Amino acid sequence: MSDKDIEKLIREVQRSEGWRVERGSKHYKCFAPDGETIVTVSTTPSSRNAIKNAYADLRRAGLDLKGRN
């Protein structure tokens, strides 16, 4: 897993209808269209499962990333 994987995920979220992404110094904040749900993704994940967990968190928040983890 690399930072490029995270950047690809964030680009997918930004292209999704109604989702908004803000970048902090250490995390991305992904805001769901409902205005209440926020998913936080590390800019430099240290865990091997971080990208998989990020996809799962976004899926639970209602984002459908077809064909992903």
N, C-alpha and C. Protein backbone atom coordinates (compact mmCIF):
# COMPACT_ATOMS: atom_id res chain seq x y z
N MET A 1 0.83 -1.16 0.00
CA MET A 1 0.00 0.00 0.00
C MET A 1 0.88 1.23 0.00
N SER A 2 0.46 2.23 -0.75
CA SER A 2 1.26 3.44 -0.83
C SER A 2 0.36 4.66 -0.72
N ASP A 3 0.99 5.81 -0.66
CA ASP A 3 0.24 7.06 -0.62
C ASP A 3 -0.58 7.23 -1.90
N LYS A 4 -0.10 6.64 -3.00
CA LYS A 4 -0.83 6.73 -4.27
C LYS A 4 -2.18 6.03 -4.17
N ASP A 5 -2.25 4.94 -3.40
CA ASP A 5 -3.52 4.25 -3.21
C ASP A 5 -4.51 5.15 -2.48
N ILE A 6 -4.03 5.86 -1.48
CA ILE A 6 -4.89 6.78 -0.72
C ILE A 6 -5.34 7.92 -1.63
N GLU A 7 -4.42 8.46 -2.41
CA GLU A 7 -4.77 9.56 -3.32
C GLU A 7 -5.82 9.12 -4.34
N LYS A 8 -5.70 7.89 -4.81
CA LYS A 8 -6.69 7.35 -5.76
C LYS A 8 -8.06 7.24 -5.09
N LEU A 9 -8.09 6.74 -3.87
CA LEU A 9 -9.33 6.64 -3.12
C LEU A 9 -9.96 8.02 -2.94
N ILE A 10 -9.16 9.00 -2.55
CA ILE A 10 -9.68 10.34 -2.32
C ILE A 10 -10.23 10.94 -3.61
N ARG A 11 -9.56 10.72 -4.75
CA ARG A 11 -10.08 11.20 -6.03
C ARG A 11 -11.44 10.58 -6.34
N GLU A 12 -11.59 9.29 -6.02
CA GLU A 12 -12.88 8.61 -6.24
C GLU A 12 -13.96 9.24 -5.38
N VAL A 13 -13.64 9.55 -4.15
CA VAL A 13 -14.62 10.17 -3.24
C VAL A 13 -14.99 11.55 -3.77
N GLN A 14 -14.01 12.33 -4.21
CA GLN A 14 -14.28 13.68 -4.71
C GLN A 14 -15.19 13.65 -5.93
N ARG A 15 -15.07 12.63 -6.76
CA ARG A 15 -15.90 12.51 -7.96
C ARG A 15 -17.31 12.02 -7.65
N SER A 16 -17.53 11.54 -6.45
CA SER A 16 -18.84 11.00 -6.08
C SER A 16 -19.82 12.13 -5.78
N GLU A 17 -21.02 11.93 -6.23
CA GLU A 17 -22.08 12.93 -6.09
C GLU A 17 -22.34 13.30 -4.63
N GLY A 18 -22.19 14.57 -4.31
CA GLY A 18 -22.55 15.07 -2.99
C GLY A 18 -21.46 14.96 -1.94
N TRP A 19 -20.40 14.22 -2.20
CA TRP A 19 -19.33 14.05 -1.22
C TRP A 19 -18.35 15.21 -1.33
N ARG A 20 -17.81 15.61 -0.19
CA ARG A 20 -16.84 16.70 -0.13
C ARG A 20 -15.64 16.23 0.67
N VAL A 21 -14.43 16.62 0.25
CA VAL A 21 -13.20 16.19 0.92
C VAL A 21 -12.39 17.42 1.32
N GLU A 22 -11.93 17.43 2.55
CA GLU A 22 -11.02 18.46 3.03
C GLU A 22 -9.74 17.79 3.49
N ARG A 23 -8.61 18.41 3.16
CA ARG A 23 -7.32 17.82 3.56
C ARG A 23 -6.75 18.60 4.73
N GLY A 24 -6.44 17.87 5.79
CA GLY A 24 -5.76 18.46 6.93
C GLY A 24 -4.28 18.12 6.83
N SER A 25 -3.54 18.36 7.89
CA SER A 25 -2.11 18.08 7.83
C SER A 25 -1.81 16.58 7.89
N LYS A 26 -2.68 15.81 8.56
CA LYS A 26 -2.43 14.37 8.69
C LYS A 26 -3.57 13.48 8.22
N HIS A 27 -4.73 14.08 7.95
CA HIS A 27 -5.89 13.28 7.56
C HIS A 27 -6.72 14.00 6.50
N TYR A 28 -7.43 13.19 5.74
CA TYR A 28 -8.48 13.70 4.86
C TYR A 28 -9.79 13.52 5.61
N LYS A 29 -10.68 14.49 5.49
CA LYS A 29 -12.02 14.35 6.04
C LYS A 29 -12.97 14.27 4.86
N CYS A 30 -13.72 13.17 4.80
CA CYS A 30 -14.68 12.95 3.72
C CYS A 30 -16.07 13.17 4.30
N PHE A 31 -16.77 14.18 3.78
CA PHE A 31 -18.09 14.54 4.29
C PHE A 31 -19.16 13.95 3.38
N ALA A 32 -20.07 13.18 3.98
CA ALA A 32 -21.16 12.56 3.25
C ALA A 32 -22.21 13.59 2.88
N PRO A 33 -23.01 13.29 1.87
CA PRO A 33 -24.06 14.22 1.45
C PRO A 33 -25.11 14.52 2.52
N ASP A 34 -25.25 13.63 3.51
CA ASP A 34 -26.25 13.86 4.55
C ASP A 34 -25.88 15.01 5.49
N GLY A 35 -24.63 15.48 5.39
CA GLY A 35 -24.19 16.62 6.20
C GLY A 35 -23.79 16.26 7.61
N GLU A 36 -23.95 15.00 8.00
CA GLU A 36 -23.65 14.58 9.36
C GLU A 36 -22.48 13.60 9.44
N THR A 37 -22.38 12.72 8.46
CA THR A 37 -21.39 11.66 8.50
C THR A 37 -20.04 12.15 7.97
N ILE A 38 -18.99 11.90 8.74
CA ILE A 38 -17.63 12.25 8.35
C ILE A 38 -16.77 11.00 8.46
N VAL A 39 -16.03 10.69 7.40
CA VAL A 39 -15.10 9.57 7.41
C VAL A 39 -13.69 10.15 7.34
N THR A 40 -12.84 9.76 8.27
CA THR A 40 -11.47 10.25 8.32
C THR A 40 -10.52 9.21 7.75
N VAL A 41 -9.64 9.67 6.85
CA VAL A 41 -8.66 8.79 6.21
C VAL A 41 -7.28 9.40 6.40
N SER A 42 -6.35 8.62 6.90
CA SER A 42 -4.99 9.09 7.13
C SER A 42 -4.28 9.39 5.82
N THR A 43 -3.50 10.47 5.78
CA THR A 43 -2.75 10.79 4.56
C THR A 43 -1.55 9.87 4.38
N THR A 44 -1.04 9.33 5.47
CA THR A 44 0.10 8.40 5.40
C THR A 44 -0.18 7.20 6.30
N PRO A 45 -1.00 6.28 5.84
CA PRO A 45 -1.38 5.14 6.67
C PRO A 45 -0.20 4.22 6.96
N SER A 46 -0.18 3.70 8.18
CA SER A 46 0.92 2.83 8.57
C SER A 46 0.52 1.35 8.57
N SER A 47 -0.76 1.09 8.59
CA SER A 47 -1.26 -0.28 8.62
C SER A 47 -1.41 -0.84 7.21
N ARG A 48 -1.16 -2.12 7.04
CA ARG A 48 -1.35 -2.74 5.73
C ARG A 48 -2.83 -2.76 5.35
N ASN A 49 -3.70 -2.77 6.34
CA ASN A 49 -5.13 -2.85 6.08
C ASN A 49 -5.81 -1.48 6.01
N ALA A 50 -5.06 -0.42 6.08
CA ALA A 50 -5.65 0.92 6.16
C ALA A 50 -6.53 1.24 4.95
N ILE A 51 -6.09 0.91 3.76
CA ILE A 51 -6.88 1.23 2.57
C ILE A 51 -8.17 0.41 2.54
N LYS A 52 -8.06 -0.84 2.94
CA LYS A 52 -9.24 -1.71 2.99
C LYS A 52 -10.24 -1.19 4.03
N ASN A 53 -9.73 -0.77 5.17
CA ASN A 53 -10.58 -0.21 6.21
C ASN A 53 -11.23 1.10 5.77
N ALA A 54 -10.48 1.92 5.03
CA ALA A 54 -11.03 3.18 4.54
C ALA A 54 -12.18 2.92 3.57
N TYR A 55 -12.01 1.96 2.65
CA TYR A 55 -13.09 1.60 1.74
C TYR A 55 -14.31 1.11 2.53
N ALA A 56 -14.08 0.30 3.55
CA ALA A 56 -15.19 -0.23 4.35
C ALA A 56 -15.91 0.89 5.09
N ASP A 57 -15.16 1.82 5.66
CA ASP A 57 -15.77 2.95 6.37
C ASP A 57 -16.62 3.79 5.42
N LEU A 58 -16.11 4.04 4.23
CA LEU A 58 -16.87 4.83 3.25
C LEU A 58 -18.11 4.08 2.78
N ARG A 59 -18.00 2.78 2.61
CA ARG A 59 -19.16 1.97 2.22
C ARG A 59 -20.23 2.03 3.30
N ARG A 60 -19.81 1.93 4.56
CA ARG A 60 -20.76 2.02 5.68
C ARG A 60 -21.44 3.38 5.75
N ALA A 61 -20.72 4.40 5.29
CA ALA A 61 -21.26 5.77 5.30
C ALA A 61 -22.18 6.02 4.12
N GLY A 62 -22.30 5.04 3.22
CA GLY A 62 -23.26 5.15 2.13
C GLY A 62 -22.65 5.40 0.77
N LEU A 63 -21.33 5.40 0.65
CA LEU A 63 -20.68 5.61 -0.64
C LEU A 63 -20.50 4.28 -1.35
N ASP A 64 -21.00 4.19 -2.57
CA ASP A 64 -20.88 2.94 -3.35
C ASP A 64 -19.73 3.08 -4.33
N LEU A 65 -18.61 2.47 -4.00
CA LEU A 65 -17.45 2.43 -4.88
C LEU A 65 -17.44 1.06 -5.53
N LYS A 66 -18.05 0.96 -6.68
CA LYS A 66 -18.26 -0.33 -7.35
C LYS A 66 -16.97 -1.08 -7.61
N GLY A 67 -17.00 -2.38 -7.30
CA GLY A 67 -15.87 -3.25 -7.60
C GLY A 67 -14.66 -3.04 -6.72
N ARG A 68 -14.83 -2.41 -5.58
CA ARG A 68 -13.71 -2.14 -4.68
C ARG A 68 -13.72 -3.12 -3.53
N ASN A 69 -12.69 -3.05 -2.70
CA ASN A 69 -12.51 -3.94 -1.54
C ASN A 69 -13.76 -4.04 -0.81
